[in-house]
Structure formats: C-alpha cells, structure tokens
Amino acid sequence: MEFDKELDLKGEVCPFTFVKGKLMIEQMKEGEVLKIILDYKPSVENVPKSMKDEGQEVLDVKQVGDNLWEVYVRKVK
C-alpha cells in the first residue's frame, strides 16, 4: 500500500503509540496516508480504534512478522 509518511513505533507501548501517531497525523495534509509500524500487540487494537474515534480513516491493519504489524491511516480532518 502506498503511504506518505512512516512512523516506526517499535519498542513503544500504549498510550505513547497513539499519542505519537496522533501528533504525526496532525502535521499531515488531508488525504495523506500514514504507515505506523507496531510491535506491541495491545497497540494493534488501540491505535486503530483511537484513530477512528478521532475521525481518521483506518485503511488496513496487517501482521507482517511474528510480532510486527503495520497500520495505515488516512487523514480525514
């Protein structure tokens, strides 16, 4: 999937994963896509849910390794 910015949050835990993702997406333009890399399982559920609650569009959540996930979020507002 194509993306405009990437945020590597390996080694980070909740709530920092969402906070850092939110700060990054606030700096982006509407319509741009942020790829977030996570290795903390609770964040894989919490980050997409929180992004949706903030009004952003979660495009995909996929596991890409034993303990590695990618979350793609499009900035809506």
PDB file of N, CA and C in Angstrom:
ATOM      1  N   MET A   1       0.840  -1.184   0.000  1.00  0.00           N
ATOM      2  CA  MET A   1       0.000   0.000   0.000  1.00  0.00           C
ATOM      3  C   MET A   1       0.883   1.244   0.000  1.00  0.00           C
ATOM      4  N   GLU A   2       0.470   2.227  -0.747  1.00  0.00           N
ATOM      5  CA  GLU A   2       1.240   3.477  -0.808  1.00  0.00           C
ATOM      6  C   GLU A   2       0.946   4.325   0.424  1.00  0.00           C
ATOM      7  N   PHE A   3       1.963   5.066   0.862  1.00  0.00           N
ATOM      8  CA  PHE A   3       1.803   5.933   2.020  1.00  0.00           C
ATOM      9  C   PHE A   3       2.679   7.165   1.846  1.00  0.00           C
ATOM     10  N   ASP A   4       2.339   8.213   2.591  1.00  0.00           N
ATOM     11  CA  ASP A   4       3.070   9.477   2.502  1.00  0.00           C
ATOM     12  C   ASP A   4       4.114   9.625   3.598  1.00  0.00           C
ATOM     13  N   LYS A   5       3.800   9.126   4.784  1.00  0.00           N
ATOM     14  CA  LYS A   5       4.725   9.212   5.911  1.00  0.00           C
ATOM     15  C   LYS A   5       4.736   7.882   6.644  1.00  0.00           C
ATOM     16  N   GLU A   6       5.865   7.606   7.301  1.00  0.00           N
ATOM     17  CA  GLU A   6       6.011   6.371   8.067  1.00  0.00           C
ATOM     18  C   GLU A   6       6.420   6.722   9.488  1.00  0.00           C
ATOM     19  N   LEU A   7       5.810   6.014  10.455  1.00  0.00           N
ATOM     20  CA  LEU A   7       6.123   6.224  11.857  1.00  0.00           C
ATOM     21  C   LEU A   7       6.456   4.875  12.471  1.00  0.00           C
ATOM     22  N   ASP A   8       7.726   4.675  12.826  1.00  0.00           N
ATOM     23  CA  ASP A   8       8.189   3.415  13.403  1.00  0.00           C
ATOM     24  C   ASP A   8       8.084   3.510  14.921  1.00  0.00           C
ATOM     25  N   LEU A   9       7.147   2.760  15.492  1.00  0.00           N
ATOM     26  CA  LEU A   9       6.921   2.801  16.935  1.00  0.00           C
ATOM     27  C   LEU A   9       7.317   1.495  17.622  1.00  0.00           C
ATOM     28  N   LYS A  10       8.238   0.761  17.007  1.00  0.00           N
ATOM     29  CA  LYS A  10       8.726  -0.459  17.659  1.00  0.00           C
ATOM     30  C   LYS A  10       9.361  -0.074  18.993  1.00  0.00           C
ATOM     31  N   GLY A  11       9.032  -0.840  20.029  1.00  0.00           N
ATOM     32  CA  GLY A  11       9.570  -0.576  21.355  1.00  0.00           C
ATOM     33  C   GLY A  11       8.708   0.366  22.177  1.00  0.00           C
ATOM     34  N   GLU A  12       7.687   0.956  21.561  1.00  0.00           N
ATOM     35  CA  GLU A  12       6.785   1.870  22.278  1.00  0.00           C
ATOM     36  C   GLU A  12       5.545   1.117  22.745  1.00  0.00           C
ATOM     37  N   VAL A  13       4.943   1.576  23.841  1.00  0.00           N
ATOM     38  CA  VAL A  13       3.741   0.952  24.383  1.00  0.00           C
ATOM     39  C   VAL A  13       2.632   1.990  24.503  1.00  0.00           C
ATOM     40  N   CYS A  14       1.412   1.519  24.732  1.00  0.00           N
ATOM     41  CA  CYS A  14       0.267   2.400  24.949  1.00  0.00           C
ATOM     42  C   CYS A  14       0.490   3.202  26.226  1.00  0.00           C
ATOM     43  N   PRO A  15       0.085   4.429  26.310  1.00  0.00           N
ATOM     44  CA  PRO A  15      -0.653   5.200  25.306  1.00  0.00           C
ATOM     45  C   PRO A  15       0.259   5.967  24.351  1.00  0.00           C
ATOM     46  N   PHE A  16       1.573   5.783  24.482  1.00  0.00           N
ATOM     47  CA  PHE A  16       2.512   6.556  23.668  1.00  0.00           C
ATOM     48  C   PHE A  16       2.365   6.269  22.177  1.00  0.00           C
ATOM     49  N   THR A  17       1.981   5.036  21.829  1.00  0.00           N
ATOM     50  CA  THR A  17       1.830   4.706  20.412  1.00  0.00           C
ATOM     51  C   THR A  17       0.743   5.563  19.775  1.00  0.00           C
ATOM     52  N   PHE A  18      -0.386   5.723  20.457  1.00  0.00           N
ATOM     53  CA  PHE A  18      -1.460   6.545  19.906  1.00  0.00           C
ATOM     54  C   PHE A  18      -1.077   8.022  19.922  1.00  0.00           C
ATOM     55  N   VAL A  19      -0.506   8.478  21.023  1.00  0.00           N
ATOM     56  CA  VAL A  19      -0.151   9.898  21.145  1.00  0.00           C
ATOM     57  C   VAL A  19       0.819  10.299  20.033  1.00  0.00           C
ATOM     58  N   LYS A  20       1.842   9.494  19.802  1.00  0.00           N
ATOM     59  CA  LYS A  20       2.824   9.816  18.753  1.00  0.00           C
ATOM     60  C   LYS A  20       2.190   9.737  17.370  1.00  0.00           C
ATOM     61  N   GLY A  21       1.297   8.766  17.170  1.00  0.00           N
ATOM     62  CA  GLY A  21       0.588   8.670  15.899  1.00  0.00           C
ATOM     63  C   GLY A  21      -0.303   9.873  15.667  1.00  0.00           C
ATOM     64  N   LYS A  22      -0.999  10.300  16.706  1.00  0.00           N
ATOM     65  CA  LYS A  22      -1.883  11.459  16.598  1.00  0.00           C
ATOM     66  C   LYS A  22      -1.083  12.723  16.283  1.00  0.00           C
ATOM     67  N   LEU A  23       0.053  12.901  16.952  1.00  0.00           N
ATOM     68  CA  LEU A  23       0.886  14.076  16.702  1.00  0.00           C
ATOM     69  C   LEU A  23       1.393  14.099  15.261  1.00  0.00           C
ATOM     70  N   MET A  24       1.764  12.928  14.741  1.00  0.00           N
ATOM     71  CA  MET A  24       2.255  12.848  13.370  1.00  0.00           C
ATOM     72  C   MET A  24       1.137  13.166  12.379  1.00  0.00           C
ATOM     73  N   ILE A  25      -0.034  12.588  12.586  1.00  0.00           N
ATOM     74  CA  ILE A  25      -1.121  12.793  11.620  1.00  0.00           C
ATOM     75  C   ILE A  25      -1.622  14.240  11.652  1.00  0.00           C
ATOM     76  N   GLU A  26      -1.493  14.917  12.798  1.00  0.00           N
ATOM     77  CA  GLU A  26      -1.886  16.328  12.873  1.00  0.00           C
ATOM     78  C   GLU A  26      -1.007  17.199  11.978  1.00  0.00           C
ATOM     79  N   GLN A  27       0.212  16.770  11.706  1.00  0.00           N
ATOM     80  CA  GLN A  27       1.141  17.536  10.871  1.00  0.00           C
ATOM     81  C   GLN A  27       0.948  17.262   9.378  1.00  0.00           C
ATOM     82  N   MET A  28       0.129  16.260   9.060  1.00  0.00           N
ATOM     83  CA  MET A  28      -0.055  15.861   7.671  1.00  0.00           C
ATOM     84  C   MET A  28      -1.222  16.610   7.033  1.00  0.00           C
ATOM     85  N   LYS A  29      -1.255  16.564   5.693  1.00  0.00           N
ATOM     86  CA  LYS A  29      -2.341  17.189   4.944  1.00  0.00           C
ATOM     87  C   LYS A  29      -3.500  16.208   4.810  1.00  0.00           C
ATOM     88  N   GLU A  30      -4.699  16.759   4.673  1.00  0.00           N
ATOM     89  CA  GLU A  30      -5.881  15.926   4.479  1.00  0.00           C
ATOM     90  C   GLU A  30      -5.695  15.032   3.252  1.00  0.00           C
ATOM     91  N   GLY A  31      -6.025  13.757   3.412  1.00  0.00           N
ATOM     92  CA  GLY A  31      -5.905  12.798   2.316  1.00  0.00           C
ATOM     93  C   GLY A  31      -4.603  12.016   2.324  1.00  0.00           C
ATOM     94  N   GLU A  32      -3.606  12.482   3.063  1.00  0.00           N
ATOM     95  CA  GLU A  32      -2.336  11.757   3.125  1.00  0.00           C
ATOM     96  C   GLU A  32      -2.489  10.508   3.992  1.00  0.00           C
ATOM     97  N   VAL A  33      -1.623   9.525   3.718  1.00  0.00           N
ATOM     98  CA  VAL A  33      -1.677   8.247   4.425  1.00  0.00           C
ATOM     99  C   VAL A  33      -0.429   8.077   5.290  1.00  0.00           C
ATOM    100  N   LEU A  34      -0.669   7.672   6.529  1.00  0.00           N
ATOM    101  CA  LEU A  34       0.400   7.403   7.494  1.00  0.00           C
ATOM    102  C   LEU A  34       0.505   5.906   7.719  1.00  0.00           C
ATOM    103  N   LYS A  35       1.715   5.392   7.592  1.00  0.00           N
ATOM    104  CA  LYS A  35       2.003   3.985   7.906  1.00  0.00           C
ATOM    105  C   LYS A  35       2.624   3.959   9.299  1.00  0.00           C
ATOM    106  N   ILE A  36       1.996   3.223  10.213  1.00  0.00           N
ATOM    107  CA  ILE A  36       2.501   3.093  11.581  1.00  0.00           C
ATOM    108  C   ILE A  36       2.975   1.656  11.774  1.00  0.00           C
ATOM    109  N   ILE A  37       4.208   1.489  12.241  1.00  0.00           N
ATOM    110  CA  ILE A  37       4.784   0.168  12.493  1.00  0.00           C
ATOM    111  C   ILE A  37       4.753  -0.073  13.997  1.00  0.00           C
ATOM    112  N   LEU A  38       4.144  -1.190  14.393  1.00  0.00           N
ATOM    113  CA  LEU A  38       3.976  -1.520  15.809  1.00  0.00           C
ATOM    114  C   LEU A  38       4.513  -2.913  16.119  1.00  0.00           C
ATOM    115  N   ASP A  39       5.013  -3.081  17.354  1.00  0.00           N
ATOM    116  CA  ASP A  39       5.418  -4.415  17.803  1.00  0.00           C
ATOM    117  C   ASP A  39       4.836  -4.739  19.179  1.00  0.00           C
ATOM    118  N   TYR A  40       3.865  -3.945  19.608  1.00  0.00           N
ATOM    119  CA  TYR A  40       3.207  -4.120  20.903  1.00  0.00           C
ATOM    120  C   TYR A  40       1.745  -4.465  20.644  1.00  0.00           C
ATOM    121  N   LYS A  41       1.372  -5.729  20.880  1.00  0.00           N
ATOM    122  CA  LYS A  41       0.059  -6.249  20.494  1.00  0.00           C
ATOM    123  C   LYS A  41      -1.122  -5.387  20.950  1.00  0.00           C
ATOM    124  N   PRO A  42      -1.177  -4.925  22.209  1.00  0.00           N
ATOM    125  CA  PRO A  42      -2.323  -4.080  22.594  1.00  0.00           C
ATOM    126  C   PRO A  42      -2.468  -2.827  21.722  1.00  0.00           C
ATOM    127  N   SER A  43      -1.369  -2.297  21.230  1.00  0.00           N
ATOM    128  CA  SER A  43      -1.430  -1.106  20.370  1.00  0.00           C
ATOM    129  C   SER A  43      -2.085  -1.414  19.031  1.00  0.00           C
ATOM    130  N   VAL A  44      -1.988  -2.657  18.583  1.00  0.00           N
ATOM    131  CA  VAL A  44      -2.574  -3.042  17.299  1.00  0.00           C
ATOM    132  C   VAL A  44      -4.094  -2.896  17.345  1.00  0.00           C
ATOM    133  N   GLU A  45      -4.678  -3.055  18.516  1.00  0.00           N
ATOM    134  CA  GLU A  45      -6.115  -2.845  18.680  1.00  0.00           C
ATOM    135  C   GLU A  45      -6.417  -1.396  19.060  1.00  0.00           C
ATOM    136  N   ASN A  46      -5.619  -0.834  19.949  1.00  0.00           N
ATOM    137  CA  ASN A  46      -5.897   0.501  20.491  1.00  0.00           C
ATOM    138  C   ASN A  46      -5.657   1.626  19.497  1.00  0.00           C
ATOM    139  N   VAL A  47      -4.569   1.566  18.738  1.00  0.00           N
ATOM    140  CA  VAL A  47      -4.252   2.665  17.814  1.00  0.00           C
ATOM    141  C   VAL A  47      -5.330   2.817  16.729  1.00  0.00           C
ATOM    142  N   PRO A  48      -5.712   1.748  16.018  1.00  0.00           N
ATOM    143  CA  PRO A  48      -6.769   1.924  15.009  1.00  0.00           C
ATOM    144  C   PRO A  48      -8.090   2.421  15.616  1.00  0.00           C
ATOM    145  N   LYS A  49      -8.467   1.885  16.776  1.00  0.00           N
ATOM    146  CA  LYS A  49      -9.706   2.315  17.417  1.00  0.00           C
ATOM    147  C   LYS A  49      -9.639   3.799  17.768  1.00  0.00           C
ATOM    148  N   SER A  50      -8.531   4.219  18.344  1.00  0.00           N
ATOM    149  CA  SER A  50      -8.381   5.622  18.734  1.00  0.00           C
ATOM    150  C   SER A  50      -8.349   6.539  17.514  1.00  0.00           C
ATOM    151  N   MET A  51      -7.700   6.096  16.436  1.00  0.00           N
ATOM    152  CA  MET A  51      -7.655   6.906  15.214  1.00  0.00           C
ATOM    153  C   MET A  51      -9.062   7.079  14.648  1.00  0.00           C
ATOM    154  N   LYS A  52      -9.860   6.000  14.644  1.00  0.00           N
ATOM    155  CA  LYS A  52     -11.245   6.100  14.174  1.00  0.00           C
ATOM    156  C   LYS A  52     -12.032   7.054  15.064  1.00  0.00           C
ATOM    157  N   ASP A  53     -11.845   6.938  16.379  1.00  0.00           N
ATOM    158  CA  ASP A  53     -12.539   7.820  17.325  1.00  0.00           C
ATOM    159  C   ASP A  53     -12.184   9.284  17.080  1.00  0.00           C
ATOM    160  N   GLU A  54     -10.973   9.543  16.569  1.00  0.00           N
ATOM    161  CA  GLU A  54     -10.528  10.908  16.269  1.00  0.00           C
ATOM    162  C   GLU A  54     -11.025  11.383  14.902  1.00  0.00           C
ATOM    163  N   GLY A  55     -11.713  10.490  14.170  1.00  0.00           N
ATOM    164  CA  GLY A  55     -12.279  10.871  12.874  1.00  0.00           C
ATOM    165  C   GLY A  55     -11.409  10.524  11.685  1.00  0.00           C
ATOM    166  N   GLN A  56     -10.315   9.783  11.905  1.00  0.00           N
ATOM    167  CA  GLN A  56      -9.442   9.400  10.797  1.00  0.00           C
ATOM    168  C   GLN A  56      -9.936   8.088  10.184  1.00  0.00           C
ATOM    169  N   GLU A  57      -9.465   7.784   8.979  1.00  0.00           N
ATOM    170  CA  GLU A  57      -9.874   6.565   8.272  1.00  0.00           C
ATOM    171  C   GLU A  57      -8.764   5.520   8.355  1.00  0.00           C
ATOM    172  N   VAL A  58      -9.061   4.396   8.987  1.00  0.00           N
ATOM    173  CA  VAL A  58      -8.101   3.288   9.068  1.00  0.00           C
ATOM    174  C   VAL A  58      -8.286   2.454   7.807  1.00  0.00           C
ATOM    175  N   LEU A  59      -7.242   2.399   6.987  1.00  0.00           N
ATOM    176  CA  LEU A  59      -7.318   1.709   5.701  1.00  0.00           C
ATOM    177  C   LEU A  59      -6.999   0.223   5.814  1.00  0.00           C
ATOM    178  N   ASP A  60      -6.034  -0.116   6.681  1.00  0.00           N
ATOM    179  CA  ASP A  60      -5.604  -1.511   6.775  1.00  0.00           C
ATOM    180  C   ASP A  60      -4.802  -1.722   8.054  1.00  0.00           C
ATOM    181  N   VAL A  61      -4.925  -2.911   8.596  1.00  0.00           N
ATOM    182  CA  VAL A  61      -4.099  -3.368   9.715  1.00  0.00           C
ATOM    183  C   VAL A  61      -3.649  -4.763   9.330  1.00  0.00           C
ATOM    184  N   LYS A  62      -2.328  -4.943   9.211  1.00  0.00           N
ATOM    185  CA  LYS A  62      -1.873  -6.278   8.818  1.00  0.00           C
ATOM    186  C   LYS A  62      -0.630  -6.679   9.589  1.00  0.00           C
ATOM    187  N   GLN A  63      -0.575  -7.973   9.875  1.00  0.00           N
ATOM    188  CA  GLN A  63       0.595  -8.529  10.548  1.00  0.00           C
ATOM    189  C   GLN A  63       1.628  -8.856   9.482  1.00  0.00           C
ATOM    190  N   VAL A  64       2.848  -8.379   9.700  1.00  0.00           N
ATOM    191  CA  VAL A  64       3.906  -8.565   8.706  1.00  0.00           C
ATOM    192  C   VAL A  64       5.083  -9.367   9.255  1.00  0.00           C
ATOM    193  N   GLY A  65       4.970  -9.825  10.507  1.00  0.00           N
ATOM    194  CA  GLY A  65       6.024 -10.620  11.127  1.00  0.00           C
ATOM    195  C   GLY A  65       5.480 -11.272  12.378  1.00  0.00           C
ATOM    196  N   ASP A  66       6.345 -12.022  13.071  1.00  0.00           N
ATOM    197  CA  ASP A  66       5.915 -12.720  14.278  1.00  0.00           C
ATOM    198  C   ASP A  66       5.313 -11.771  15.307  1.00  0.00           C
ATOM    199  N   ASN A  67       5.916 -10.626  15.467  1.00  0.00           N
ATOM    200  CA  ASN A  67       5.439  -9.652  16.443  1.00  0.00           C
ATOM    201  C   ASN A  67       5.540  -8.257  15.838  1.00  0.00           C
ATOM    202  N   LEU A  68       5.039  -8.132  14.609  1.00  0.00           N
ATOM    203  CA  LEU A  68       5.180  -6.874  13.877  1.00  0.00           C
ATOM    204  C   LEU A  68       3.930  -6.629  13.036  1.00  0.00           C
ATOM    205  N   TRP A  69       3.399  -5.407  13.156  1.00  0.00           N
ATOM    206  CA  TRP A  69       2.186  -5.030  12.438  1.00  0.00           C
ATOM    207  C   TRP A  69       2.369  -3.692  11.760  1.00  0.00           C
ATOM    208  N   GLU A  70       1.581  -3.480  10.692  1.00  0.00           N
ATOM    209  CA  GLU A  70       1.523  -2.195  10.017  1.00  0.00           C
ATOM    210  C   GLU A  70       0.077  -1.714  10.041  1.00  0.00           C
ATOM    211  N   VAL A  71      -0.094  -0.449  10.376  1.00  0.00           N
ATOM    212  CA  VAL A  71      -1.411   0.176  10.396  1.00  0.00           C
ATOM    213  C   VAL A  71      -1.350   1.357   9.430  1.00  0.00           C
ATOM    214  N   TYR A  72      -2.319   1.413   8.509  1.00  0.00           N
ATOM    215  CA  TYR A  72      -2.371   2.501   7.532  1.00  0.00           C
ATOM    216  C   TYR A  72      -3.584   3.381   7.838  1.00  0.00           C
ATOM    217  N   VAL A  73      -3.321   4.678   8.021  1.00  0.00           N
ATOM    218  CA  VAL A  73      -4.372   5.624   8.387  1.00  0.00           C
ATOM    219  C   VAL A  73      -4.351   6.803   7.420  1.00  0.00           C
ATOM    220  N   ARG A  74      -5.538   7.140   6.874  1.00  0.00           N
ATOM    221  CA  ARG A  74      -5.668   8.311   6.007  1.00  0.00           C
ATOM    222  C   ARG A  74      -6.213   9.478   6.836  1.00  0.00           C
ATOM    223  N   LYS A  75      -5.554  10.621   6.707  1.00  0.00           N
ATOM    224  CA  LYS A  75      -6.015  11.808   7.430  1.00  0.00           C
ATOM    225  C   LYS A  75      -7.286  12.324   6.770  1.00  0.00           C
ATOM    226  N   VAL A  76      -8.333  12.431   7.565  1.00  0.00           N
ATOM    227  CA  VAL A  76      -9.628  12.895   7.076  1.00  0.00           C
ATOM    228  C   VAL A  76      -9.820  14.356   7.454  1.00  0.00           C
ATOM    229  N   LYS A  77      -9.444  14.708   8.682  1.00  0.00           N
ATOM    230  CA  LYS A  77      -9.637  16.093   9.114  1.00  0.00           C
ATOM    231  C   LYS A  77      -8.482  16.540   9.984  1.00  0.00           C
TER     232      LYS A  77
END
